Protein backbone atom coordinates (compact mmCIF):
# COMPACT_ATOMS: atom_id res chain seq x y z
CA UNK A 1 34.67 -9.53 -10.83
CA UNK A 2 32.45 -6.45 -11.29
CA UNK A 3 30.68 -5.36 -8.12
CA UNK A 4 27.11 -4.09 -7.80
CA UNK A 5 28.15 -0.48 -8.33
CA UNK A 6 30.06 -1.36 -11.49
CA UNK A 7 27.14 -3.35 -12.87
CA UNK A 8 24.73 -0.48 -12.31
CA UNK A 9 27.18 1.99 -13.84
CA UNK A 10 27.64 -0.12 -16.97
CA UNK A 11 23.95 -0.09 -17.94
CA UNK A 12 22.90 3.31 -16.52
CA UNK A 13 22.99 5.13 -19.92
CA UNK A 14 20.31 2.77 -21.25
CA UNK A 15 17.90 4.27 -18.70
CA UNK A 16 18.75 7.93 -19.20
CA UNK A 17 21.11 7.94 -16.23
CA UNK A 18 24.74 8.55 -15.38
CA UNK A 19 26.39 7.12 -12.29
CA UNK A 20 29.76 7.84 -10.68
CA UNK A 21 31.43 6.47 -7.59
CA UNK A 22 31.87 8.47 -4.39
CA UNK A 23 33.47 7.33 -1.09
CA UNK A 24 30.07 6.65 0.53
CA UNK A 25 28.66 4.74 -2.46
CA UNK A 26 27.56 6.38 -5.69
CA UNK A 27 25.65 9.33 -7.06
CA UNK A 28 23.45 9.31 -10.13
CA UNK A 29 21.50 11.71 -12.30
CA UNK A 30 18.51 10.31 -14.17
CA UNK A 31 15.96 11.93 -16.46
CA UNK A 32 12.56 10.30 -16.82
CA UNK A 33 9.98 11.13 -19.48
CA UNK A 34 6.29 11.11 -18.59
CA UNK A 35 3.72 9.86 -21.13
CA UNK A 36 2.90 13.47 -22.08
CA UNK A 37 6.54 14.09 -23.01
CA UNK A 38 7.60 16.17 -19.98
CA UNK A 39 11.15 15.53 -18.72
CA UNK A 40 11.95 15.30 -15.01
CA UNK A 41 15.51 15.07 -13.68
CA UNK A 42 16.39 13.53 -10.31
CA UNK A 43 19.69 13.45 -8.42
CA UNK A 44 20.16 10.24 -6.48
CA UNK A 45 22.43 8.91 -3.74
CA UNK A 46 23.12 5.16 -3.73
CA UNK A 47 24.51 3.17 -0.81
CA UNK A 48 25.77 -0.40 -0.97
CA UNK A 49 26.01 -3.33 1.41
CA UNK A 50 27.76 -6.09 -0.53
CA UNK A 51 25.38 -6.78 -3.45
CA UNK A 52 22.47 -4.88 -1.86
CA UNK A 53 21.71 -1.32 -2.95
CA UNK A 54 19.39 1.33 -1.55
CA UNK A 55 18.61 4.68 -3.13
CA UNK A 56 17.28 8.06 -2.07
CA UNK A 57 17.41 11.61 -3.35
CA UNK A 58 20.74 13.40 -3.05
CA UNK A 59 20.63 15.95 -0.19
CA UNK A 60 20.47 19.47 -1.56
CA UNK A 61 18.76 18.31 -4.75
CA UNK A 62 15.46 17.02 -3.40
CA UNK A 63 12.15 17.52 -5.19
CA UNK A 64 10.19 14.71 -3.53
CA UNK A 65 8.75 14.56 0.01
CA UNK A 66 11.18 13.48 2.73
CA UNK A 67 8.67 10.84 3.86
CA UNK A 68 5.37 9.64 2.42
CA UNK A 69 4.02 6.11 2.95
CA UNK A 70 1.48 6.42 0.14
CA UNK A 71 4.24 7.53 -2.26
CA UNK A 72 6.46 4.69 -1.03
CA UNK A 73 9.17 6.94 0.40
CA UNK A 74 10.49 5.50 3.66
CA UNK A 75 11.18 7.37 6.88
CA UNK A 76 14.90 7.62 6.06
CA UNK A 77 14.12 9.01 2.61
CA UNK A 78 14.97 5.77 0.79
CA UNK A 79 12.73 4.56 -2.03
CA UNK A 80 10.56 1.48 -1.54
CA UNK A 81 10.97 -0.14 -4.95
CA UNK A 82 9.26 -3.42 -4.13
CA UNK A 83 8.45 -5.93 -1.43
CA UNK A 84 9.77 -9.45 -0.92
CA UNK A 85 10.73 -11.12 -4.17
CA UNK A 86 9.63 -8.01 -6.07
CA UNK A 87 12.34 -5.90 -4.43
CA UNK A 88 15.13 -5.48 -7.02
CA UNK A 89 17.79 -4.35 -4.55
CA UNK A 90 20.09 -7.39 -5.00
CA UNK A 91 22.52 -6.76 -7.88
CA UNK A 92 24.50 -9.79 -9.04
CA UNK A 93 24.64 -9.51 -12.84
CA UNK A 94 23.57 -7.38 -15.79
CA UNK A 95 20.01 -8.73 -15.68
CA UNK A 96 19.46 -7.69 -12.06
CA UNK A 97 21.16 -4.35 -12.71
CA UNK A 98 18.74 -3.65 -15.55
CA UNK A 99 15.82 -4.77 -13.40
CA UNK A 100 16.88 -2.27 -10.72
CA UNK A 101 17.20 0.64 -13.14
CA UNK A 102 13.83 -0.22 -14.71
CA UNK A 103 12.24 -0.18 -11.24
CA UNK A 104 13.86 3.17 -10.40
CA UNK A 105 12.74 4.66 -13.72
CA UNK A 106 9.15 3.52 -13.19
CA UNK A 107 9.21 4.69 -9.56
CA UNK A 108 10.39 8.18 -10.49
CA UNK A 109 7.96 8.43 -13.41
CA UNK A 110 5.13 7.69 -10.99
CA UNK A 111 6.54 10.22 -8.52
CA UNK A 112 6.52 12.90 -11.21
CA UNK A 113 2.91 12.01 -11.99
CA UNK A 114 1.95 12.14 -8.32
CA UNK A 115 3.50 15.59 -7.92
CA UNK A 116 1.56 16.86 -10.93
CA UNK A 117 -1.82 15.23 -10.30
CA UNK A 118 -1.96 14.60 -6.55
CA UNK A 119 -2.61 10.90 -7.15
CA UNK A 120 0.06 8.19 -7.03
CA UNK A 121 -0.22 6.18 -10.28
CA UNK A 122 -0.40 2.42 -10.09
CA UNK A 123 -2.03 2.41 -6.66
CA UNK A 124 -3.98 -0.75 -7.58
CA UNK A 125 -0.65 -2.59 -7.72
CA UNK A 126 0.83 -0.93 -4.65
CA UNK A 127 1.87 -2.57 -1.40
CA UNK A 128 0.48 -2.03 2.05
CA UNK A 129 2.79 -0.50 4.63
CA UNK A 130 5.02 -2.25 7.16
CA UNK A 131 3.96 -5.71 8.31
CA UNK A 132 0.64 -5.26 6.50
CA UNK A 133 2.44 -6.15 3.26
CA UNK A 134 2.85 -9.73 4.55
CA UNK A 135 -0.91 -10.07 5.09
CA UNK A 136 -1.55 -8.47 1.70
CA UNK A 137 0.63 -11.08 0.00
CA UNK A 138 -1.28 -13.90 1.72
CA UNK A 139 -4.60 -12.38 0.67
CA UNK A 140 -3.40 -12.09 -2.93
CA UNK A 141 -2.24 -15.70 -2.95
CA UNK A 142 -5.65 -16.84 -1.68
CA UNK A 143 -7.40 -14.70 -4.31
CA UNK A 144 -5.29 -16.26 -7.06
CA UNK A 145 -6.38 -19.73 -5.89
CA UNK A 146 -9.99 -18.76 -6.60
CA UNK A 147 -9.45 -17.49 -10.16
CA UNK A 148 -7.56 -14.96 -12.23
CA UNK A 149 -10.74 -12.93 -12.66
CA UNK A 150 -11.30 -12.79 -8.90
CA UNK A 151 -7.68 -11.70 -8.32
CA UNK A 152 -8.07 -8.95 -10.92
CA UNK A 153 -11.20 -7.68 -9.16
CA UNK A 154 -9.24 -7.62 -5.90
CA UNK A 155 -6.46 -5.57 -7.53
CA UNK A 156 -9.07 -3.18 -8.92
CA UNK A 157 -10.46 -2.61 -5.41
CA UNK A 158 -13.93 -3.97 -6.16
CA UNK A 159 -14.26 -5.86 -2.86
CA UNK A 160 -14.70 -4.56 0.66
CA UNK A 161 -14.29 -6.59 3.86
CA UNK A 162 -16.17 -5.25 6.85
CA UNK A 163 -17.12 -6.47 10.30
CA UNK A 164 -20.65 -7.78 10.76
CA UNK A 165 -22.43 -4.75 12.30
CA UNK A 166 -24.82 -6.81 14.41
CA UNK A 167 -24.05 -6.97 18.15
CA UNK A 168 -22.26 -10.09 19.34
CA UNK A 169 -21.40 -11.29 15.83
CA UNK A 170 -17.76 -12.30 15.41
CA UNK A 171 -17.91 -12.30 11.65
CA UNK A 172 -16.42 -10.59 8.64
CA UNK A 173 -18.39 -9.90 5.47
CA UNK A 174 -17.07 -9.76 1.92
CA UNK A 175 -19.06 -7.30 -0.17
CA UNK A 176 -19.03 -6.10 -3.75
CA UNK A 177 -20.98 -2.86 -3.90
CA UNK A 178 -24.25 -3.51 -2.07
CA UNK A 179 -24.05 -7.29 -2.55
CA UNK A 180 -22.80 -9.49 0.28
CA UNK A 181 -20.80 -12.37 -1.18
CA UNK A 182 -19.76 -14.34 1.90
CA UNK A 183 -19.34 -14.32 5.66
CA UNK A 184 -16.51 -15.85 7.67
CA UNK A 185 -16.26 -16.47 11.41
CA UNK A 186 -13.27 -14.86 13.10
CA UNK A 187 -13.39 -17.71 15.64
CA UNK A 188 -13.60 -20.81 13.46
CA UNK A 189 -11.85 -19.14 10.47
CA UNK A 190 -14.43 -20.80 8.21
CA UNK A 191 -17.29 -19.62 6.03
CA UNK A 192 -20.65 -19.33 7.79
CA UNK A 193 -24.16 -18.22 6.93
CA UNK A 194 -25.52 -21.03 4.80
CA UNK A 195 -25.16 -21.56 1.06
CA UNK A 196 -22.48 -19.47 -0.62
CA UNK A 197 -22.06 -19.23 -4.39
CA UNK A 198 -18.40 -19.54 -5.31
CA UNK A 199 -17.11 -16.20 -6.67
CA UNK A 200 -14.53 -17.91 -8.88
CA UNK A 201 -16.75 -17.38 -11.93
CA UNK A 202 -17.31 -21.05 -12.77
CA UNK A 203 -20.14 -21.85 -15.19
CA UNK A 204 -22.69 -22.93 -14.17
CA UNK A 205 -22.63 -21.37 -10.71
CA UNK A 206 -22.03 -23.82 -7.91
CA UNK A 207 -22.00 -23.90 -4.13
CA UNK A 208 -18.53 -23.11 -2.87
CA UNK A 209 -18.47 -26.34 -0.85
CA UNK A 210 -18.54 -28.23 -4.17
CA UNK A 211 -15.85 -26.11 -5.84
CA UNK A 212 -12.37 -27.57 -5.21
CA UNK A 213 -10.68 -25.94 -2.19
CA UNK A 214 -12.29 -22.57 -2.84
CA UNK A 215 -14.13 -22.44 0.50
CA UNK A 216 -10.82 -22.41 2.35
CA UNK A 217 -9.28 -20.01 -0.16
CA UNK A 218 -12.15 -17.53 0.17
CA UNK A 219 -12.11 -17.68 3.97
CA UNK A 220 -8.35 -17.09 3.95
CA UNK A 221 -8.72 -14.16 1.57
CA UNK A 222 -11.36 -12.47 3.73
CA UNK A 223 -9.38 -12.94 6.95
CA UNK A 224 -6.04 -11.83 5.48
CA UNK A 225 -7.56 -8.88 3.63
CA UNK A 226 -9.08 -7.65 6.88
CA UNK A 227 -5.84 -8.29 8.80
CA UNK A 228 -3.97 -6.28 6.16
CA UNK A 229 -6.25 -3.27 6.63
CA UNK A 230 -5.92 -3.47 10.42
CA UNK A 231 -2.11 -3.75 10.26
CA UNK A 232 -1.88 -0.91 7.72
CA UNK A 233 -3.95 1.36 9.97
CA UNK A 234 -1.75 0.40 12.92
CA UNK A 235 1.40 1.30 10.96
CA UNK A 236 0.04 4.70 9.93
CA UNK A 237 -1.17 5.41 13.46
CA UNK A 238 2.35 4.64 14.70
CA UNK A 239 3.77 7.08 12.15
CA UNK A 240 1.37 9.76 13.37
CA UNK A 241 2.23 9.02 17.01
CA UNK A 242 5.94 9.36 16.17
CA UNK A 243 5.33 12.90 14.97
CA UNK A 244 5.56 12.41 11.22
CA UNK A 245 3.74 15.11 9.28
CA UNK A 246 1.78 14.83 6.05
CA UNK A 247 3.51 16.27 2.98
CA UNK A 248 0.10 17.33 1.57
CA UNK A 249 1.05 16.32 -1.97
CA UNK A 250 -1.73 13.75 -2.46
CA UNK A 251 -5.47 14.27 -2.59
CA UNK A 252 -6.05 11.20 -0.41
CA UNK A 253 -3.50 10.23 2.22
CA UNK A 254 -3.47 7.48 4.83
CA UNK A 255 -1.03 9.38 7.07
CA UNK A 256 -3.25 12.46 6.99
CA UNK A 257 -6.19 10.36 8.20
CA UNK A 258 -4.02 8.85 10.94
CA UNK A 259 -3.01 12.33 12.11
CA UNK A 260 -6.69 13.32 12.24
CA UNK A 261 -7.45 10.23 14.34
CA UNK A 262 -4.61 11.19 16.68
CA UNK A 263 -5.93 14.74 17.02
CA UNK A 264 -9.49 13.53 17.62
CA UNK A 265 -8.26 11.14 20.32
CA UNK A 266 -6.37 13.97 22.02
CA UNK A 267 -9.49 16.14 22.02
CA UNK A 268 -11.60 13.30 23.43
CA UNK A 269 -9.00 12.67 26.13
CA UNK A 270 -9.17 16.32 27.12
CA UNK A 271 -12.92 16.02 27.61
CA UNK A 272 -13.29 12.83 29.67
CA UNK A 273 -16.91 13.58 30.57
CA UNK A 274 -18.02 14.54 27.08
CA UNK A 275 -20.74 12.70 25.24
CA UNK A 276 -19.26 9.88 23.17
CA UNK A 277 -22.25 8.14 21.63
CA UNK A 278 -22.33 8.51 17.87
CA UNK A 279 -26.09 9.07 18.17
CA UNK A 280 -25.78 12.01 20.57
CA UNK A 281 -26.70 15.43 19.26
CA UNK A 282 -26.58 18.74 21.07
CA UNK A 283 -29.97 19.88 22.39
CA UNK A 284 -31.98 22.04 20.01
CA UNK A 285 -32.08 25.73 20.73
CA UNK A 286 -35.23 26.68 22.61
CA UNK A 287 -37.85 28.53 20.57
CA UNK A 288 -39.54 29.95 23.65
CA UNK A 289 -39.19 33.74 23.84
CA UNK A 290 -37.11 35.05 26.68
């Protein structure tokens, strides 16, 4: 019976790669071609645990950051190729071997694009970090229950969930641009605020209470989407607290923002009697002649 390493080796040439066995697992060389025609070669180290495989760059031949959450490179340098059922790490036959190589090829093509442009391609289909990915999956499932069009808008980042800014209000608001679509109570976990038009896109428009189970689906989406953002921020703050540094290869970076929050907190801690109100401004310079 061919093991995972043998299966990957047998189909590697179909993906522009070569793979050979080494005592600690396997090493591979793969060349990916970006849409513009540029070639990029990567040297990889593979490790195996039964039929499970993980991959990272080969030490001494690295061109990618050692760690970057937004580029899906883990703290140990391994590549995050997928989450849950989308993770192709289990290799049991030729089909799963090809799925793994296809994922690696796409991952490295996106990495080459990110290095060139400072933006990680395919971000709209990316996963949140750490435990936040679980909440993201639940939010996506709830969005799909509403409609395909709604789920596509979620993937495109058209919706924002924010806390109700009014004092004493334990509510979350779902907004699209300047339009508020719905409110949900963080206590009852149900929609509040009167009549809500269902955002599923049904024609004619109808109240969400008369639209299948969409009231529950929308409330779940809002709550899980917010929980995902909170958990993602917590993960990045933990990375910053652990001393991870930003690789500065992306124009926008969640870890960079977390490091700034850490630095701001340290400054505030060093000035315990400083003004903390967001409305406070330093006194204007006196115009009176001295």
